[in-house]
Structure formats: structure tokens, C-alpha cells
Amino acid sequence: MRRAGEAGKALYATGNVRQLQKIGIIIVAQFIRSCDQFTFGIKIRMLLFLYL
């Protein structure tokens, strides 16, 4: 997950926002698929940490 965050920051720094949005959509889709009530809060925190 940390690698994905670094890649996202690199794309953002180069101004490749469209690519960044595609990656974000993929991450969110996988996140929703792998969700259950127990891990939901933990994964939300991880996503917030990646994007902030």
C-alpha cells in the first residue's frame, strides 16, 4: 500500500492527474470488493493516510 501512495505522489508531482484518477478508481474498487465490517475502519484509515 505504501508503494501505491509513493507512486500516486510521483504522478501528482508530474501533473499526470488523469493517470492518478485511474489508479485511484482501481484502488477504491478493490477496496470495496475486499471490504467487510471488521476491516472496514482499518482500511479507511489506510486510505486516508495514503491520500493525506
N, C-alpha and C. Protein backbone atom coordinates (compact mmCIF):
# COMPACT_ATOMS: atom_id res chain seq x y z
N MET A 1 0.83 -1.20 0.00
CA MET A 1 0.00 0.00 0.00
C MET A 1 0.86 1.26 0.00
N ARG A 2 1.99 1.21 0.70
CA ARG A 2 2.85 2.39 0.77
C ARG A 2 3.45 2.71 -0.60
N ARG A 3 3.78 1.66 -1.36
CA ARG A 3 4.30 1.87 -2.72
C ARG A 3 3.28 2.58 -3.59
N ALA A 4 2.02 2.17 -3.45
CA ALA A 4 0.96 2.82 -4.23
C ALA A 4 0.86 4.29 -3.89
N GLY A 5 1.03 4.62 -2.61
CA GLY A 5 0.99 6.01 -2.20
C GLY A 5 2.14 6.81 -2.79
N GLU A 6 3.33 6.21 -2.79
CA GLU A 6 4.50 6.89 -3.36
C GLU A 6 4.33 7.10 -4.86
N ALA A 7 3.80 6.08 -5.54
CA ALA A 7 3.57 6.20 -6.98
C ALA A 7 2.54 7.30 -7.25
N GLY A 8 1.51 7.36 -6.41
CA GLY A 8 0.49 8.39 -6.56
C GLY A 8 1.08 9.79 -6.38
N LYS A 9 1.94 9.94 -5.39
CA LYS A 9 2.56 11.25 -5.16
C LYS A 9 3.46 11.64 -6.32
N ALA A 10 4.18 10.65 -6.88
CA ALA A 10 5.05 10.93 -8.02
C ALA A 10 4.23 11.37 -9.23
N LEU A 11 3.13 10.69 -9.50
CA LEU A 11 2.25 11.06 -10.61
C LEU A 11 1.65 12.44 -10.39
N TYR A 12 1.28 12.70 -9.14
CA TYR A 12 0.69 14.00 -8.82
C TYR A 12 1.72 15.12 -9.03
N ALA A 13 2.97 14.85 -8.64
CA ALA A 13 4.03 15.85 -8.78
C ALA A 13 4.32 16.17 -10.24
N THR A 14 4.20 15.16 -11.12
CA THR A 14 4.45 15.37 -12.53
C THR A 14 3.22 15.92 -13.26
N GLY A 15 2.10 16.07 -12.53
CA GLY A 15 0.90 16.64 -13.11
C GLY A 15 0.09 15.65 -13.93
N ASN A 16 0.37 14.36 -13.76
CA ASN A 16 -0.35 13.34 -14.52
C ASN A 16 -1.62 12.95 -13.76
N VAL A 17 -2.57 13.89 -13.71
CA VAL A 17 -3.74 13.71 -12.85
C VAL A 17 -4.68 12.65 -13.40
N ARG A 18 -4.80 12.55 -14.71
CA ARG A 18 -5.71 11.56 -15.29
C ARG A 18 -5.27 10.15 -14.93
N GLN A 19 -3.96 9.90 -15.03
CA GLN A 19 -3.42 8.60 -14.64
C GLN A 19 -3.67 8.34 -13.15
N LEU A 20 -3.49 9.37 -12.35
CA LEU A 20 -3.70 9.27 -10.91
C LEU A 20 -5.15 8.89 -10.61
N GLN A 21 -6.09 9.49 -11.34
CA GLN A 21 -7.50 9.18 -11.13
C GLN A 21 -7.81 7.73 -11.48
N LYS A 22 -7.22 7.22 -12.58
CA LYS A 22 -7.43 5.82 -12.95
C LYS A 22 -6.95 4.89 -11.85
N ILE A 23 -5.75 5.16 -11.33
CA ILE A 23 -5.21 4.32 -10.26
C ILE A 23 -6.10 4.40 -9.02
N GLY A 24 -6.56 5.61 -8.71
CA GLY A 24 -7.44 5.79 -7.55
C GLY A 24 -8.72 4.99 -7.67
N ILE A 25 -9.31 4.99 -8.86
CA ILE A 25 -10.55 4.24 -9.09
C ILE A 25 -10.31 2.75 -8.90
N ILE A 26 -9.18 2.25 -9.43
CA ILE A 26 -8.84 0.83 -9.29
C ILE A 26 -8.67 0.47 -7.81
N ILE A 27 -7.94 1.32 -7.07
CA ILE A 27 -7.70 1.05 -5.65
C ILE A 27 -9.03 1.02 -4.89
N VAL A 28 -9.91 1.99 -5.18
CA VAL A 28 -11.19 2.06 -4.48
C VAL A 28 -12.05 0.84 -4.82
N ALA A 29 -12.04 0.42 -6.09
CA ALA A 29 -12.84 -0.74 -6.49
C ALA A 29 -12.36 -2.00 -5.76
N GLN A 30 -11.04 -2.20 -5.70
CA GLN A 30 -10.50 -3.36 -5.00
C GLN A 30 -10.82 -3.28 -3.51
N PHE A 31 -10.74 -2.06 -2.98
CA PHE A 31 -11.03 -1.83 -1.56
C PHE A 31 -12.47 -2.21 -1.23
N ILE A 32 -13.41 -1.79 -2.08
CA ILE A 32 -14.82 -2.09 -1.84
C ILE A 32 -15.07 -3.59 -1.93
N ARG A 33 -14.45 -4.25 -2.90
CA ARG A 33 -14.63 -5.69 -3.07
C ARG A 33 -14.14 -6.47 -1.84
N SER A 34 -13.02 -6.02 -1.26
CA SER A 34 -12.40 -6.78 -0.19
C SER A 34 -12.90 -6.34 1.19
N CYS A 35 -13.98 -5.57 1.20
CA CYS A 35 -14.46 -4.99 2.45
C CYS A 35 -15.32 -5.96 3.24
N ASP A 36 -15.15 -5.94 4.55
CA ASP A 36 -16.14 -6.50 5.46
C ASP A 36 -16.17 -5.58 6.68
N GLN A 37 -17.12 -5.79 7.55
CA GLN A 37 -17.33 -4.83 8.65
C GLN A 37 -16.14 -4.74 9.58
N PHE A 38 -15.43 -5.86 9.78
CA PHE A 38 -14.33 -5.85 10.75
C PHE A 38 -13.16 -5.01 10.27
N THR A 39 -12.79 -5.13 9.00
CA THR A 39 -11.60 -4.44 8.50
C THR A 39 -11.92 -3.08 7.89
N PHE A 40 -13.20 -2.73 7.83
CA PHE A 40 -13.60 -1.50 7.14
C PHE A 40 -12.92 -0.27 7.73
N GLY A 41 -12.97 -0.12 9.06
CA GLY A 41 -12.38 1.05 9.70
C GLY A 41 -10.88 1.14 9.48
N ILE A 42 -10.20 -0.02 9.55
CA ILE A 42 -8.75 -0.04 9.36
C ILE A 42 -8.40 0.39 7.95
N LYS A 43 -9.12 -0.13 6.97
CA LYS A 43 -8.83 0.19 5.57
C LYS A 43 -9.13 1.66 5.26
N ILE A 44 -10.18 2.20 5.84
CA ILE A 44 -10.48 3.63 5.66
C ILE A 44 -9.32 4.47 6.16
N ARG A 45 -8.78 4.10 7.33
CA ARG A 45 -7.64 4.85 7.88
C ARG A 45 -6.43 4.75 6.96
N MET A 46 -6.19 3.55 6.40
CA MET A 46 -5.06 3.38 5.49
C MET A 46 -5.23 4.26 4.25
N LEU A 47 -6.45 4.28 3.69
CA LEU A 47 -6.70 5.10 2.50
C LEU A 47 -6.51 6.58 2.82
N LEU A 48 -7.02 7.01 3.97
CA LEU A 48 -6.86 8.43 4.34
C LEU A 48 -5.39 8.76 4.51
N PHE A 49 -4.64 7.83 5.09
CA PHE A 49 -3.20 8.05 5.28
C PHE A 49 -2.49 8.18 3.94
N LEU A 50 -2.90 7.35 2.96
CA LEU A 50 -2.28 7.41 1.63
C LEU A 50 -2.55 8.74 0.95
N TYR A 51 -3.78 9.22 1.06
CA TYR A 51 -4.15 10.42 0.30
C TYR A 51 -3.79 11.72 1.01
N LEU A 52 -3.47 11.65 2.33
CA LEU A 52 -3.06 12.85 3.06
C LEU A 52 -1.58 12.82 3.32
